[in-house]
Amino acid sequence: MNEPTSLPWPVGSPARSDGDLLALTATGDTAAFSALYDRVAPWVFGLVRRILRNPAQSEEVTQEVMIDVWRTATRYDADRGSAHSWILTIAHRRAVDRVRSEQASADRTDLAGARSAEVDFDQVADTVSTRLEAEQVRRCLGTLTELQRESIELAYYNGYTYPEVAQQLGAKLPTIKARMRDGLIRLRDCLGTTEGQRS
């Protein structure tokens, strides 16, 4: 029985090229992959580190690249370039993907934060503004005569026409028009005065 050796090929055989090791890896030869890993991982890490600049992320991506090499070794075509170049192309692609992924994640986080802040502020501002305006209008409506207030409420809140308001209140159309005109002038003055006091 042969004793196991530390080399992935028999003692005395010539050293294998990256392409040979990759071809053996494609057949599921773990010893060949281990030798290939030891040979190219430092190159992969160096390339990835130059792109990512973060040591921990570079280590992660290097591991992902080497797993890709193991899984996709059958796709390597020696006629299209060296095994070394093929592996470094995978590394470059993976590193760029990580940069894009990190940037997209940061952009999504920033956008979500900005939207959340805008929505929260806008909702509060709108709610406060609507309530203040409603209180102001109610207060100003209280300064009108009963006929003016009822006419305006029927026309503007219930959507009645002038003739319908006149019919509802049992008044003549010219009277309703005059009361509404006077009431709207008083409302405008009241709301304008309040605006002036607030600013």
N, C-alpha and C. Protein backbone atom coordinates (compact mmCIF):
# COMPACT_ATOMS: atom_id res chain seq x y z
N MET A 1 0.85 -1.18 0.00
CA MET A 1 0.00 0.00 0.00
C MET A 1 0.89 1.23 0.00
N ASN A 2 0.57 2.20 -0.86
CA ASN A 2 1.38 3.41 -0.94
C ASN A 2 1.11 4.31 0.26
N GLU A 3 2.16 4.93 0.76
CA GLU A 3 2.02 5.90 1.85
C GLU A 3 1.49 7.21 1.26
N PRO A 4 0.57 7.90 1.96
CA PRO A 4 0.08 9.18 1.45
C PRO A 4 1.21 10.20 1.46
N THR A 5 1.24 11.06 0.49
CA THR A 5 2.27 12.10 0.43
C THR A 5 1.61 13.45 0.66
N SER A 6 2.42 14.47 0.91
CA SER A 6 1.86 15.81 1.12
C SER A 6 1.57 16.49 -0.21
N LEU A 7 2.04 15.91 -1.32
CA LEU A 7 1.78 16.50 -2.62
C LEU A 7 0.54 15.88 -3.25
N PRO A 8 -0.18 16.64 -4.06
CA PRO A 8 -1.38 16.11 -4.69
C PRO A 8 -1.08 15.27 -5.92
N TRP A 9 0.18 14.99 -6.19
CA TRP A 9 0.56 14.15 -7.31
C TRP A 9 1.70 13.27 -6.86
N PRO A 10 1.97 12.20 -7.52
CA PRO A 10 3.00 11.26 -7.07
C PRO A 10 4.38 11.91 -6.99
N VAL A 11 5.18 11.44 -6.03
CA VAL A 11 6.53 11.96 -5.84
C VAL A 11 7.33 11.70 -7.10
N GLY A 12 8.10 12.69 -7.50
CA GLY A 12 8.94 12.53 -8.67
C GLY A 12 8.30 13.00 -9.95
N SER A 13 6.95 13.24 -9.94
CA SER A 13 6.31 13.74 -11.15
C SER A 13 6.56 15.25 -11.24
N PRO A 14 6.52 15.81 -12.45
CA PRO A 14 6.79 17.24 -12.60
C PRO A 14 5.68 18.07 -11.93
N ALA A 15 6.06 19.28 -11.49
CA ALA A 15 5.08 20.18 -10.86
C ALA A 15 3.96 20.49 -11.84
N ARG A 16 2.76 20.55 -11.34
CA ARG A 16 1.60 20.80 -12.19
C ARG A 16 1.40 22.30 -12.39
N SER A 17 0.93 22.67 -13.57
CA SER A 17 0.59 24.08 -13.84
C SER A 17 -0.78 24.38 -13.24
N ASP A 18 -1.10 25.68 -13.19
CA ASP A 18 -2.43 26.07 -12.72
C ASP A 18 -3.52 25.41 -13.58
N GLY A 19 -3.26 25.36 -14.89
CA GLY A 19 -4.23 24.75 -15.79
C GLY A 19 -4.43 23.28 -15.51
N ASP A 20 -3.31 22.57 -15.23
CA ASP A 20 -3.41 21.15 -14.90
C ASP A 20 -4.21 20.95 -13.61
N LEU A 21 -3.87 21.77 -12.61
CA LEU A 21 -4.57 21.65 -11.33
C LEU A 21 -6.06 21.97 -11.48
N LEU A 22 -6.35 22.96 -12.31
CA LEU A 22 -7.75 23.32 -12.53
C LEU A 22 -8.48 22.20 -13.26
N ALA A 23 -7.81 21.56 -14.21
CA ALA A 23 -8.43 20.44 -14.93
C ALA A 23 -8.71 19.29 -13.97
N LEU A 24 -7.76 19.02 -13.07
CA LEU A 24 -7.98 17.98 -12.07
C LEU A 24 -9.10 18.37 -11.09
N THR A 25 -9.14 19.64 -10.73
CA THR A 25 -10.21 20.14 -9.85
C THR A 25 -11.57 19.91 -10.49
N ALA A 26 -11.64 20.09 -11.81
CA ALA A 26 -12.90 19.89 -12.53
C ALA A 26 -13.39 18.46 -12.42
N THR A 27 -12.47 17.53 -12.15
CA THR A 27 -12.88 16.12 -12.00
C THR A 27 -13.24 15.79 -10.56
N GLY A 28 -13.11 16.79 -9.66
CA GLY A 28 -13.43 16.58 -8.25
C GLY A 28 -12.22 16.22 -7.41
N ASP A 29 -11.03 16.42 -7.94
CA ASP A 29 -9.79 16.09 -7.23
C ASP A 29 -9.52 17.15 -6.16
N THR A 30 -9.79 16.81 -4.90
CA THR A 30 -9.64 17.78 -3.82
C THR A 30 -8.18 18.12 -3.53
N ALA A 31 -7.28 17.17 -3.75
CA ALA A 31 -5.86 17.44 -3.53
C ALA A 31 -5.36 18.46 -4.53
N ALA A 32 -5.80 18.34 -5.77
CA ALA A 32 -5.41 19.31 -6.80
C ALA A 32 -5.98 20.68 -6.47
N PHE A 33 -7.22 20.69 -6.00
CA PHE A 33 -7.82 21.98 -5.64
C PHE A 33 -7.07 22.61 -4.47
N SER A 34 -6.66 21.81 -3.50
CA SER A 34 -5.93 22.32 -2.35
C SER A 34 -4.62 22.96 -2.80
N ALA A 35 -3.92 22.30 -3.72
CA ALA A 35 -2.67 22.85 -4.23
C ALA A 35 -2.93 24.14 -5.02
N LEU A 36 -3.98 24.14 -5.82
CA LEU A 36 -4.35 25.32 -6.59
C LEU A 36 -4.71 26.47 -5.65
N TYR A 37 -5.45 26.14 -4.61
CA TYR A 37 -5.86 27.14 -3.62
C TYR A 37 -4.62 27.81 -3.01
N ASP A 38 -3.69 26.99 -2.55
CA ASP A 38 -2.48 27.53 -1.92
C ASP A 38 -1.70 28.41 -2.88
N ARG A 39 -1.75 28.08 -4.16
CA ARG A 39 -0.97 28.81 -5.15
C ARG A 39 -1.63 30.13 -5.53
N VAL A 40 -2.96 30.13 -5.73
CA VAL A 40 -3.60 31.34 -6.29
C VAL A 40 -4.32 32.21 -5.26
N ALA A 41 -4.65 31.67 -4.10
CA ALA A 41 -5.41 32.46 -3.11
C ALA A 41 -4.71 33.77 -2.75
N PRO A 42 -3.37 33.79 -2.55
CA PRO A 42 -2.72 35.07 -2.25
C PRO A 42 -2.90 36.10 -3.37
N TRP A 43 -2.86 35.64 -4.63
CA TRP A 43 -3.07 36.55 -5.75
C TRP A 43 -4.51 37.07 -5.75
N VAL A 44 -5.43 36.18 -5.50
CA VAL A 44 -6.85 36.56 -5.46
C VAL A 44 -7.07 37.59 -4.35
N PHE A 45 -6.53 37.29 -3.16
CA PHE A 45 -6.71 38.20 -2.03
C PHE A 45 -6.11 39.58 -2.35
N GLY A 46 -4.94 39.61 -2.96
CA GLY A 46 -4.30 40.88 -3.29
C GLY A 46 -5.16 41.72 -4.23
N LEU A 47 -5.70 41.07 -5.26
CA LEU A 47 -6.55 41.78 -6.21
C LEU A 47 -7.83 42.29 -5.54
N VAL A 48 -8.46 41.42 -4.78
CA VAL A 48 -9.72 41.79 -4.11
C VAL A 48 -9.47 42.90 -3.10
N ARG A 49 -8.37 42.82 -2.38
CA ARG A 49 -8.04 43.84 -1.37
C ARG A 49 -7.84 45.20 -2.00
N ARG A 50 -7.23 45.25 -3.19
CA ARG A 50 -7.04 46.53 -3.88
C ARG A 50 -8.38 47.15 -4.25
N ILE A 51 -9.37 46.32 -4.54
CA ILE A 51 -10.69 46.85 -4.94
C ILE A 51 -11.53 47.21 -3.72
N LEU A 52 -11.57 46.32 -2.74
CA LEU A 52 -12.45 46.53 -1.58
C LEU A 52 -11.83 47.37 -0.47
N ARG A 53 -10.51 47.24 -0.29
CA ARG A 53 -9.76 47.97 0.75
C ARG A 53 -10.08 47.52 2.16
N ASN A 54 -11.09 46.72 2.34
CA ASN A 54 -11.47 46.23 3.67
C ASN A 54 -10.93 44.81 3.84
N PRO A 55 -10.01 44.58 4.80
CA PRO A 55 -9.40 43.25 4.93
C PRO A 55 -10.41 42.13 5.20
N ALA A 56 -11.35 42.37 6.09
CA ALA A 56 -12.32 41.32 6.44
C ALA A 56 -13.19 40.97 5.23
N GLN A 57 -13.68 41.99 4.53
CA GLN A 57 -14.49 41.73 3.33
C GLN A 57 -13.66 41.07 2.24
N SER A 58 -12.39 41.45 2.16
CA SER A 58 -11.51 40.85 1.15
C SER A 58 -11.32 39.37 1.42
N GLU A 59 -11.19 39.00 2.68
CA GLU A 59 -11.07 37.58 3.03
C GLU A 59 -12.34 36.82 2.64
N GLU A 60 -13.51 37.41 2.94
CA GLU A 60 -14.78 36.77 2.60
C GLU A 60 -14.89 36.56 1.09
N VAL A 61 -14.58 37.61 0.33
CA VAL A 61 -14.71 37.53 -1.12
C VAL A 61 -13.70 36.53 -1.68
N THR A 62 -12.50 36.49 -1.12
CA THR A 62 -11.50 35.50 -1.56
C THR A 62 -12.04 34.09 -1.38
N GLN A 63 -12.65 33.83 -0.24
CA GLN A 63 -13.25 32.51 -0.01
C GLN A 63 -14.35 32.22 -1.03
N GLU A 64 -15.18 33.23 -1.30
CA GLU A 64 -16.27 33.05 -2.27
C GLU A 64 -15.70 32.76 -3.66
N VAL A 65 -14.60 33.45 -4.02
CA VAL A 65 -13.99 33.22 -5.33
C VAL A 65 -13.47 31.79 -5.43
N MET A 66 -12.79 31.33 -4.39
CA MET A 66 -12.22 29.99 -4.44
C MET A 66 -13.32 28.92 -4.48
N ILE A 67 -14.43 29.19 -3.81
CA ILE A 67 -15.58 28.27 -3.89
C ILE A 67 -16.13 28.26 -5.31
N ASP A 68 -16.19 29.46 -5.93
CA ASP A 68 -16.63 29.54 -7.33
C ASP A 68 -15.70 28.74 -8.23
N VAL A 69 -14.39 28.85 -7.98
CA VAL A 69 -13.43 28.10 -8.79
C VAL A 69 -13.69 26.60 -8.66
N TRP A 70 -13.92 26.14 -7.45
CA TRP A 70 -14.20 24.71 -7.21
C TRP A 70 -15.47 24.28 -7.95
N ARG A 71 -16.51 25.10 -7.85
CA ARG A 71 -17.80 24.74 -8.43
C ARG A 71 -17.84 24.85 -9.95
N THR A 72 -17.06 25.80 -10.49
CA THR A 72 -17.17 26.07 -11.93
C THR A 72 -15.91 25.68 -12.71
N ALA A 73 -15.06 24.89 -12.12
CA ALA A 73 -13.80 24.50 -12.79
C ALA A 73 -14.05 23.85 -14.14
N THR A 74 -15.17 23.18 -14.31
CA THR A 74 -15.47 22.53 -15.59
C THR A 74 -15.70 23.54 -16.71
N ARG A 75 -15.97 24.79 -16.36
CA ARG A 75 -16.23 25.82 -17.38
C ARG A 75 -14.94 26.43 -17.94
N TYR A 76 -13.82 26.15 -17.29
CA TYR A 76 -12.56 26.74 -17.75
C TYR A 76 -12.19 26.17 -19.11
N ASP A 77 -11.82 27.08 -20.02
CA ASP A 77 -11.42 26.69 -21.36
C ASP A 77 -10.00 27.21 -21.59
N ALA A 78 -9.05 26.30 -21.65
CA ALA A 78 -7.63 26.67 -21.80
C ALA A 78 -7.38 27.44 -23.09
N ASP A 79 -8.20 27.23 -24.10
CA ASP A 79 -8.00 27.93 -25.37
C ASP A 79 -8.31 29.43 -25.26
N ARG A 80 -9.03 29.80 -24.24
CA ARG A 80 -9.43 31.22 -24.11
C ARG A 80 -8.54 31.99 -23.15
N GLY A 81 -7.57 31.35 -22.54
CA GLY A 81 -6.66 32.07 -21.64
C GLY A 81 -6.13 31.16 -20.57
N SER A 82 -5.21 31.70 -19.77
CA SER A 82 -4.59 30.91 -18.72
C SER A 82 -5.54 30.71 -17.55
N ALA A 83 -5.30 29.66 -16.79
CA ALA A 83 -6.11 29.39 -15.60
C ALA A 83 -5.97 30.53 -14.60
N HIS A 84 -4.77 31.04 -14.49
CA HIS A 84 -4.50 32.15 -13.56
C HIS A 84 -5.38 33.36 -13.92
N SER A 85 -5.40 33.71 -15.20
CA SER A 85 -6.23 34.85 -15.65
C SER A 85 -7.71 34.58 -15.43
N TRP A 86 -8.12 33.34 -15.71
CA TRP A 86 -9.53 32.98 -15.53
C TRP A 86 -9.96 33.16 -14.08
N ILE A 87 -9.10 32.71 -13.16
CA ILE A 87 -9.41 32.83 -11.72
C ILE A 87 -9.42 34.28 -11.28
N LEU A 88 -8.45 35.07 -11.76
CA LEU A 88 -8.40 36.49 -11.38
C LEU A 88 -9.58 37.27 -11.98
N THR A 89 -10.08 36.83 -13.13
CA THR A 89 -11.28 37.45 -13.70
C THR A 89 -12.49 37.21 -12.80
N ILE A 90 -12.60 35.98 -12.30
CA ILE A 90 -13.68 35.67 -11.35
C ILE A 90 -13.54 36.55 -10.10
N ALA A 91 -12.29 36.70 -9.62
CA ALA A 91 -12.04 37.50 -8.42
C ALA A 91 -12.42 38.96 -8.64
N HIS A 92 -12.03 39.49 -9.78
CA HIS A 92 -12.33 40.89 -10.09
C HIS A 92 -13.85 41.10 -10.15
N ARG A 93 -14.54 40.19 -10.82
CA ARG A 93 -16.00 40.30 -10.95
C ARG A 93 -16.67 40.25 -9.58
N ARG A 94 -16.22 39.30 -8.75
CA ARG A 94 -16.79 39.15 -7.41
C ARG A 94 -16.56 40.40 -6.56
N ALA A 95 -15.35 40.96 -6.64
CA ALA A 95 -15.02 42.15 -5.84
C ALA A 95 -15.85 43.34 -6.28
N VAL A 96 -15.99 43.52 -7.59
CA VAL A 96 -16.80 44.63 -8.11
C VAL A 96 -18.26 44.45 -7.71
N ASP A 97 -18.75 43.21 -7.78
CA ASP A 97 -20.12 42.93 -7.35
C ASP A 97 -20.32 43.30 -5.89
N ARG A 98 -19.32 43.00 -5.05
CA ARG A 98 -19.43 43.32 -3.63
C ARG A 98 -19.47 44.83 -3.43
N VAL A 99 -18.62 45.56 -4.15
CA VAL A 99 -18.63 47.03 -4.05
C VAL A 99 -20.00 47.57 -4.43
N ARG A 100 -20.53 47.07 -5.54
CA ARG A 100 -21.85 47.54 -6.00
C ARG A 100 -22.94 47.19 -5.00
N SER A 101 -22.86 45.98 -4.45
CA SER A 101 -23.85 45.53 -3.48
C SER A 101 -23.81 46.40 -2.23
N GLU A 102 -22.59 46.68 -1.75
CA GLU A 102 -22.44 47.52 -0.55
C GLU A 102 -22.96 48.93 -0.82
N GLN A 103 -22.66 49.46 -2.01
CA GLN A 103 -23.11 50.80 -2.35
C GLN A 103 -24.63 50.85 -2.47
N ALA A 104 -25.19 49.83 -3.12
CA ALA A 104 -26.65 49.78 -3.26
C ALA A 104 -27.33 49.68 -1.91
N SER A 105 -26.74 48.89 -1.01
CA SER A 105 -27.30 48.74 0.33
C SER A 105 -27.24 50.07 1.09
N ALA A 106 -26.10 50.74 0.98
CA ALA A 106 -25.95 52.05 1.65
C ALA A 106 -26.94 53.06 1.07
N ASP A 107 -27.10 53.04 -0.27
CA ASP A 107 -28.04 53.96 -0.91
C ASP A 107 -29.47 53.69 -0.46
N ARG A 108 -29.84 52.38 -0.37
CA ARG A 108 -31.19 52.04 0.08
C ARG A 108 -31.42 52.50 1.51
N THR A 109 -30.41 52.30 2.36
CA THR A 109 -30.54 52.72 3.76
C THR A 109 -30.70 54.23 3.85
N ASP A 110 -29.87 54.97 3.10
CA ASP A 110 -29.96 56.43 3.11
C ASP A 110 -31.32 56.90 2.61
N LEU A 111 -31.78 56.27 1.52
CA LEU A 111 -33.06 56.66 0.93
C LEU A 111 -34.21 56.36 1.88
N ALA A 112 -34.16 55.18 2.50
CA ALA A 112 -35.22 54.81 3.45
C ALA A 112 -35.23 55.77 4.63
N GLY A 113 -34.05 56.12 5.12
CA GLY A 113 -33.96 57.06 6.24
C GLY A 113 -34.50 58.42 5.86
N ALA A 114 -34.12 58.88 4.65
CA ALA A 114 -34.59 60.19 4.20
C ALA A 114 -36.11 60.19 4.01
N ARG A 115 -36.62 59.11 3.40
CA ARG A 115 -38.07 59.02 3.19
C ARG A 115 -38.81 58.99 4.51
N SER A 116 -38.27 58.23 5.45
CA SER A 116 -38.93 58.12 6.75
C SER A 116 -38.98 59.48 7.43
N ALA A 117 -37.86 60.20 7.38
CA ALA A 117 -37.81 61.51 8.03
C ALA A 117 -38.77 62.47 7.33
N GLU A 118 -38.77 62.44 5.99
CA GLU A 118 -39.65 63.34 5.24
C GLU A 118 -41.10 63.03 5.51
N VAL A 119 -41.46 61.75 5.47
CA VAL A 119 -42.86 61.36 5.67
C VAL A 119 -43.31 61.72 7.07
N ASP A 120 -42.48 61.39 8.07
CA ASP A 120 -42.87 61.70 9.44
C ASP A 120 -43.07 63.20 9.61
N PHE A 121 -42.11 64.00 9.12
CA PHE A 121 -42.21 65.44 9.27
C PHE A 121 -43.42 65.97 8.51
N ASP A 122 -43.58 65.53 7.25
CA ASP A 122 -44.68 66.01 6.43
C ASP A 122 -46.03 65.65 7.02
N GLN A 123 -46.16 64.42 7.54
CA GLN A 123 -47.43 64.01 8.12
C GLN A 123 -47.77 64.85 9.34
N VAL A 124 -46.78 65.07 10.19
CA VAL A 124 -47.02 65.89 11.39
C VAL A 124 -47.35 67.31 10.99
N ALA A 125 -46.57 67.87 10.06
CA ALA A 125 -46.79 69.25 9.62
C ALA A 125 -48.17 69.40 8.99
N ASP A 126 -48.55 68.46 8.14
CA ASP A 126 -49.86 68.52 7.49
C ASP A 126 -50.99 68.42 8.51
N THR A 127 -50.83 67.50 9.46
CA THR A 127 -51.86 67.32 10.48
C THR A 127 -52.03 68.58 11.31
N VAL A 128 -50.92 69.14 11.75
CA VAL A 128 -50.97 70.36 12.56
C VAL A 128 -51.57 71.50 11.76
N SER A 129 -51.10 71.65 10.51
CA SER A 129 -51.58 72.73 9.67
C SER A 129 -53.09 72.60 9.43
N THR A 130 -53.55 71.39 9.14
CA THR A 130 -54.97 71.16 8.89
C THR A 130 -55.80 71.48 10.12
N ARG A 131 -55.32 71.06 11.28
CA ARG A 131 -56.06 71.33 12.52
C ARG A 131 -56.12 72.82 12.83
N LEU A 132 -54.98 73.50 12.64
CA LEU A 132 -54.96 74.95 12.89
C LEU A 132 -55.90 75.68 11.94
N GLU A 133 -55.87 75.28 10.66
CA GLU A 133 -56.74 75.93 9.69
C GLU A 133 -58.20 75.66 10.01
N ALA A 134 -58.52 74.43 10.40
CA ALA A 134 -59.90 74.09 10.74
C ALA A 134 -60.38 74.91 11.94
N GLU A 135 -59.54 75.02 12.96
CA GLU A 135 -59.92 75.81 14.15
C GLU A 135 -60.10 77.27 13.78
N GLN A 136 -59.22 77.76 12.93
CA GLN A 136 -59.29 79.16 12.51
C GLN A 136 -60.58 79.43 11.73
N VAL A 137 -60.90 78.53 10.80
CA VAL A 137 -62.12 78.69 10.01
C VAL A 137 -63.36 78.62 10.90
N ARG A 138 -63.36 77.65 11.85
CA ARG A 138 -64.49 77.53 12.78
C ARG A 138 -64.67 78.81 13.60
N ARG A 139 -63.55 79.34 14.07
CA ARG A 139 -63.62 80.57 14.87
C ARG A 139 -64.17 81.72 14.04
N CYS A 140 -63.68 81.82 12.79
CA CYS A 140 -64.12 82.91 11.93
C CYS A 140 -65.59 82.74 11.51
N LEU A 141 -66.01 81.48 11.29
CA LEU A 141 -67.42 81.25 10.97
C LEU A 141 -68.32 81.71 12.11
N GLY A 142 -67.80 81.60 13.33
CA GLY A 142 -68.57 82.03 14.50
C GLY A 142 -68.81 83.52 14.56
N THR A 143 -68.05 84.30 13.77
CA THR A 143 -68.24 85.76 13.77
C THR A 143 -69.31 86.21 12.78
N LEU A 144 -69.82 85.26 11.97
CA LEU A 144 -70.81 85.61 10.96
C LEU A 144 -72.22 85.57 11.53
N THR A 145 -73.14 86.21 10.81
CA THR A 145 -74.55 86.09 11.20
C THR A 145 -74.99 84.67 10.90
N GLU A 146 -76.11 84.27 11.48
CA GLU A 146 -76.59 82.89 11.29
C GLU A 146 -76.89 82.62 9.82
N LEU A 147 -77.50 83.56 9.11
CA LEU A 147 -77.83 83.37 7.70
C LEU A 147 -76.57 83.27 6.84
N GLN A 148 -75.58 84.11 7.17
CA GLN A 148 -74.31 84.05 6.42
C GLN A 148 -73.63 82.69 6.63
N ARG A 149 -73.54 82.28 7.90
CA ARG A 149 -72.86 81.03 8.23
C ARG A 149 -73.58 79.84 7.58
N GLU A 150 -74.91 79.77 7.71
CA GLU A 150 -75.66 78.65 7.14
C GLU A 150 -75.53 78.63 5.62
N SER A 151 -75.57 79.78 4.98
CA SER A 151 -75.45 79.86 3.52
C SER A 151 -74.09 79.34 3.06
N ILE A 152 -73.07 79.81 3.72
CA ILE A 152 -71.71 79.40 3.34
C ILE A 152 -71.51 77.91 3.60
N GLU A 153 -71.96 77.40 4.72
CA GLU A 153 -71.80 75.98 5.03
C GLU A 153 -72.53 75.11 4.01
N LEU A 154 -73.79 75.51 3.64
CA LEU A 154 -74.53 74.72 2.66
C LEU A 154 -73.84 74.74 1.29
N ALA A 155 -73.32 75.91 0.89
CA ALA A 155 -72.70 76.03 -0.43
C ALA A 155 -71.32 75.37 -0.47
N TYR A 156 -70.47 75.62 0.54
CA TYR A 156 -69.08 75.17 0.46
C TYR A 156 -68.82 73.81 1.08
N TYR A 157 -69.59 73.45 2.09
CA TYR A 157 -69.37 72.15 2.74
C TYR A 157 -70.30 71.07 2.20
N ASN A 158 -71.51 71.48 1.77
CA ASN A 158 -72.47 70.49 1.27
C ASN A 158 -72.63 70.52 -0.24
N GLY A 159 -72.03 71.52 -0.91
CA GLY A 159 -72.04 71.55 -2.37
C GLY A 159 -73.32 72.04 -3.02
N TYR A 160 -74.15 72.76 -2.27
CA TYR A 160 -75.38 73.28 -2.85
C TYR A 160 -75.10 74.50 -3.73
N THR A 161 -75.95 74.69 -4.74
CA THR A 161 -75.87 75.90 -5.58
C THR A 161 -76.60 77.03 -4.85
N TYR A 162 -76.42 78.26 -5.37
CA TYR A 162 -77.12 79.40 -4.75
C TYR A 162 -78.63 79.19 -4.70
N PRO A 163 -79.26 78.78 -5.81
CA PRO A 163 -80.72 78.56 -5.74
C PRO A 163 -81.09 77.47 -4.73
N GLU A 164 -80.28 76.42 -4.63
CA GLU A 164 -80.57 75.35 -3.66
C GLU A 164 -80.42 75.85 -2.23
N VAL A 165 -79.43 76.70 -1.98
CA VAL A 165 -79.25 77.28 -0.64
C VAL A 165 -80.47 78.14 -0.32
N ALA A 166 -80.90 78.95 -1.27
CA ALA A 166 -82.06 79.81 -1.05
C ALA A 166 -83.29 78.97 -0.73
N GLN A 167 -83.45 77.87 -1.46
CA GLN A 167 -84.60 76.99 -1.21
C GLN A 167 -84.50 76.35 0.17
N GLN A 168 -83.31 75.88 0.54
CA GLN A 168 -83.10 75.22 1.84
C GLN A 168 -83.42 76.18 2.99
N LEU A 169 -83.01 77.44 2.83
CA LEU A 169 -83.18 78.40 3.92
C LEU A 169 -84.47 79.21 3.81
N GLY A 170 -85.20 78.98 2.74
CA GLY A 170 -86.48 79.68 2.57
C GLY A 170 -86.28 81.17 2.40
N ALA A 171 -85.21 81.56 1.69
CA ALA A 171 -84.92 82.98 1.47
C ALA A 171 -84.85 83.24 -0.03
N LYS A 172 -84.93 84.53 -0.38
CA LYS A 172 -84.85 84.90 -1.79
C LYS A 172 -83.40 84.78 -2.26
N LEU A 173 -83.26 84.43 -3.54
CA LEU A 173 -81.93 84.23 -4.12
C LEU A 173 -81.05 85.47 -4.00
N PRO A 174 -81.52 86.68 -4.32
CA PRO A 174 -80.65 87.86 -4.19
C PRO A 174 -80.18 88.07 -2.74
N THR A 175 -81.05 87.74 -1.77
CA THR A 175 -80.69 87.89 -0.35
C THR A 175 -79.56 86.92 -0.01
N ILE A 176 -79.68 85.65 -0.47
CA ILE A 176 -78.65 84.64 -0.19
C ILE A 176 -77.33 85.06 -0.81
N LYS A 177 -77.36 85.52 -2.07
CA LYS A 177 -76.13 85.95 -2.73
C LYS A 177 -75.46 87.09 -1.97
N ALA A 178 -76.26 88.05 -1.54
CA ALA A 178 -75.71 89.20 -0.82
C ALA A 178 -75.12 88.76 0.52
N ARG A 179 -75.85 87.89 1.26
CA ARG A 179 -75.37 87.42 2.57
C ARG A 179 -74.07 86.61 2.41
N MET A 180 -74.06 85.78 1.37
CA MET A 180 -72.85 84.97 1.17
C MET A 180 -71.66 85.85 0.80
N ARG A 181 -71.91 86.84 -0.06
CA ARG A 181 -70.83 87.74 -0.44
C ARG A 181 -70.29 88.48 0.79
N ASP A 182 -71.20 89.02 1.61
CA ASP A 182 -70.78 89.73 2.82
C ASP A 182 -70.06 88.78 3.79
N GLY A 183 -70.61 87.54 3.90
CA GLY A 183 -70.01 86.57 4.81
C GLY A 183 -68.61 86.17 4.36
N LEU A 184 -68.42 85.98 3.05
CA LEU A 184 -67.10 85.60 2.54
C LEU A 184 -66.09 86.74 2.73
N ILE A 185 -66.54 87.97 2.59
CA ILE A 185 -65.64 89.12 2.83
C ILE A 185 -65.22 89.13 4.29
N ARG A 186 -66.19 88.91 5.19
CA ARG A 186 -65.86 88.88 6.62
C ARG A 186 -64.91 87.73 6.95
N LEU A 187 -65.15 86.56 6.34
CA LEU A 187 -64.27 85.41 6.55
C LEU A 187 -62.86 85.73 6.07
N ARG A 188 -62.77 86.31 4.87
CA ARG A 188 -61.46 86.65 4.32
C ARG A 188 -60.72 87.61 5.25
N ASP A 189 -61.44 88.61 5.74
CA ASP A 189 -60.81 89.57 6.65
C ASP A 189 -60.38 88.90 7.95
N CYS A 190 -61.23 88.02 8.45
CA CYS A 190 -60.93 87.33 9.72
C CYS A 190 -59.71 86.42 9.55
N LEU A 191 -59.70 85.66 8.49
CA LEU A 191 -58.58 84.75 8.24
C LEU A 191 -57.31 85.53 7.93
N GLY A 192 -57.45 86.64 7.21
CA GLY A 192 -56.28 87.47 6.90
C GLY A 192 -55.69 88.10 8.13
N THR A 193 -56.53 88.57 9.06
CA THR A 193 -56.09 89.19 10.30
C THR A 193 -55.35 88.16 11.15
N THR A 194 -55.93 86.95 11.22
CA THR A 194 -55.31 85.87 12.02
C THR A 194 -53.94 85.53 11.46
N GLU A 195 -53.87 85.47 10.09
CA GLU A 195 -52.57 85.17 9.47
C GLU A 195 -51.57 86.22 9.85
N GLY A 196 -52.01 87.47 9.81
CA GLY A 196 -51.09 88.57 10.17
C GLY A 196 -50.62 88.47 11.59
N GLN A 197 -51.50 88.08 12.51
CA GLN A 197 -51.12 87.98 13.92
C GLN A 197 -50.15 86.85 14.15
N ARG A 198 -50.28 85.73 13.36
CA ARG A 198 -49.41 84.58 13.57
C ARG A 198 -48.01 84.84 13.06
N SER A 199 -47.86 85.66 11.98
CA SER A 199 -46.55 85.84 11.39
C SER A 199 -45.75 86.94 12.09
